[in-house]
Structure formats: C-alpha cells, structure tokens
Amino acid sequence: MKSSPTLLRTVLVLAALGTSGCTAVQPWERATLSSYPMRPDRDPLAQAMSEHIYYSREASTGGRSVGGSGCGCN
C-alpha cells in the first residue's frame, strides 16, 4: 500500500502540532503577558468598532452596554 507512509506521516504531523500548542506559562514570562500591548482593551476605538460590527452582524441583545433587539421593535 502506497498510502500507508503518507497516512503515517500525516498522523505524526497532526500529533506534533496538537501537542506543541499547549504550554505552561512560567513565572518569569507572566510579566511579558501582562504588559500593555498584550491587553485586549488597549485600543478603545478598535474595541468599539469590533463590538459594533459584531452586534450589527449578530443582530442580538446583550454584551457590553448594547441594548435593544435585532428586529428593530424596541
């Protein structure tokens, strides 16, 4: 069978990718992760635009200070 080495190679690559994504954060790395560029709220304008796009597309209620419903009947 010719597909056996290809299948084995694919399984090994997927296993390597699956196990390499999960790592523990070391205590000395936490300062880097808590720095200002890593904060999700560092750009209020981009966050407001992202929320506007999300709630406009989803036509839903709730979230961060967004009221009303998607049907326009409020």
Protein backbone atom coordinates (compact mmCIF):
# COMPACT_ATOMS: atom_id res chain seq x y z
CA MET A 1 0.00 0.00 0.00
CA LYS A 2 1.41 3.34 -1.02
CA SER A 3 -0.88 5.43 1.17
CA SER A 4 0.37 3.88 4.41
CA PRO A 5 3.55 6.03 4.70
CA THR A 6 1.58 9.13 3.73
CA LEU A 7 -1.09 8.37 6.30
CA LEU A 8 1.52 7.71 8.97
CA ARG A 9 3.32 10.95 8.12
CA THR A 10 0.05 12.90 8.29
CA VAL A 11 -0.85 11.41 11.66
CA LEU A 12 2.61 12.22 13.05
CA VAL A 13 2.46 15.83 11.82
CA LEU A 14 -1.02 16.32 13.30
CA ALA A 15 0.08 14.80 16.60
CA ALA A 16 3.13 17.07 16.72
CA LEU A 17 1.00 20.14 16.01
CA GLY A 18 -1.59 19.10 18.57
CA THR A 19 0.88 18.64 21.38
CA SER A 20 3.02 21.71 20.69
CA GLY A 21 0.25 24.26 21.22
CA CYS A 22 -0.27 23.73 24.93
CA THR A 23 2.48 25.03 27.14
CA ALA A 24 2.58 26.22 30.71
CA VAL A 25 3.41 29.85 31.42
CA GLN A 26 6.49 30.18 33.56
CA PRO A 27 6.53 32.75 36.40
CA TRP A 28 9.14 34.91 34.66
CA GLU A 29 7.02 35.01 31.47
CA ARG A 30 3.96 36.44 33.19
CA ALA A 31 5.38 39.97 33.20
CA THR A 32 5.53 39.87 29.41
CA LEU A 33 2.00 38.55 29.12
CA SER A 34 0.62 41.22 31.44
CA SER A 35 2.29 44.12 29.62
CA TYR A 36 0.23 46.87 27.97
CA PRO A 37 0.47 45.60 24.36
CA MET A 38 -0.99 42.25 25.45
CA ARG A 39 -4.13 43.79 26.97
CA PRO A 40 -7.32 43.32 24.93
CA ASP A 41 -8.63 46.77 25.92
CA ARG A 42 -5.54 48.75 24.88
CA ASP A 43 -7.30 50.39 21.91
CA PRO A 44 -10.79 51.65 22.86
CA LEU A 45 -11.64 52.76 19.32
CA ALA A 46 -10.80 49.39 17.78
CA GLN A 47 -12.73 47.63 20.54
CA ALA A 48 -15.79 49.83 19.96
CA MET A 49 -15.64 49.21 16.22
CA SER A 50 -15.28 45.48 16.73
CA GLU A 51 -18.26 45.38 19.09
CA HIS A 52 -20.35 47.45 16.68
CA ILE A 53 -19.58 45.08 13.82
CA TYR A 54 -20.24 42.01 15.97
CA TYR A 55 -23.60 43.20 17.29
CA SER A 56 -24.68 44.52 13.90
CA ARG A 57 -23.99 41.17 12.27
CA GLU A 58 -25.37 39.03 15.04
CA ALA A 59 -28.50 41.19 15.48
CA SER A 60 -28.54 40.20 19.10
CA THR A 61 -29.05 41.67 22.54
CA GLY A 62 -26.67 41.98 25.42
CA GLY A 63 -22.96 42.16 25.72
CA ARG A 64 -21.12 45.28 26.69
CA SER A 65 -23.71 48.02 27.10
CA VAL A 66 -25.53 47.22 23.87
CA GLY A 67 -29.27 47.30 24.26
CA GLY A 68 -32.20 46.50 22.06
CA SER A 69 -33.03 43.60 19.86
CA GLY A 70 -32.27 42.61 16.32
CA CYS A 71 -35.77 43.07 14.97
CA GLY A 72 -35.90 46.85 15.48
CA CYS A 73 -39.07 46.69 17.60
CA ASN A 74 -37.72 48.24 20.78
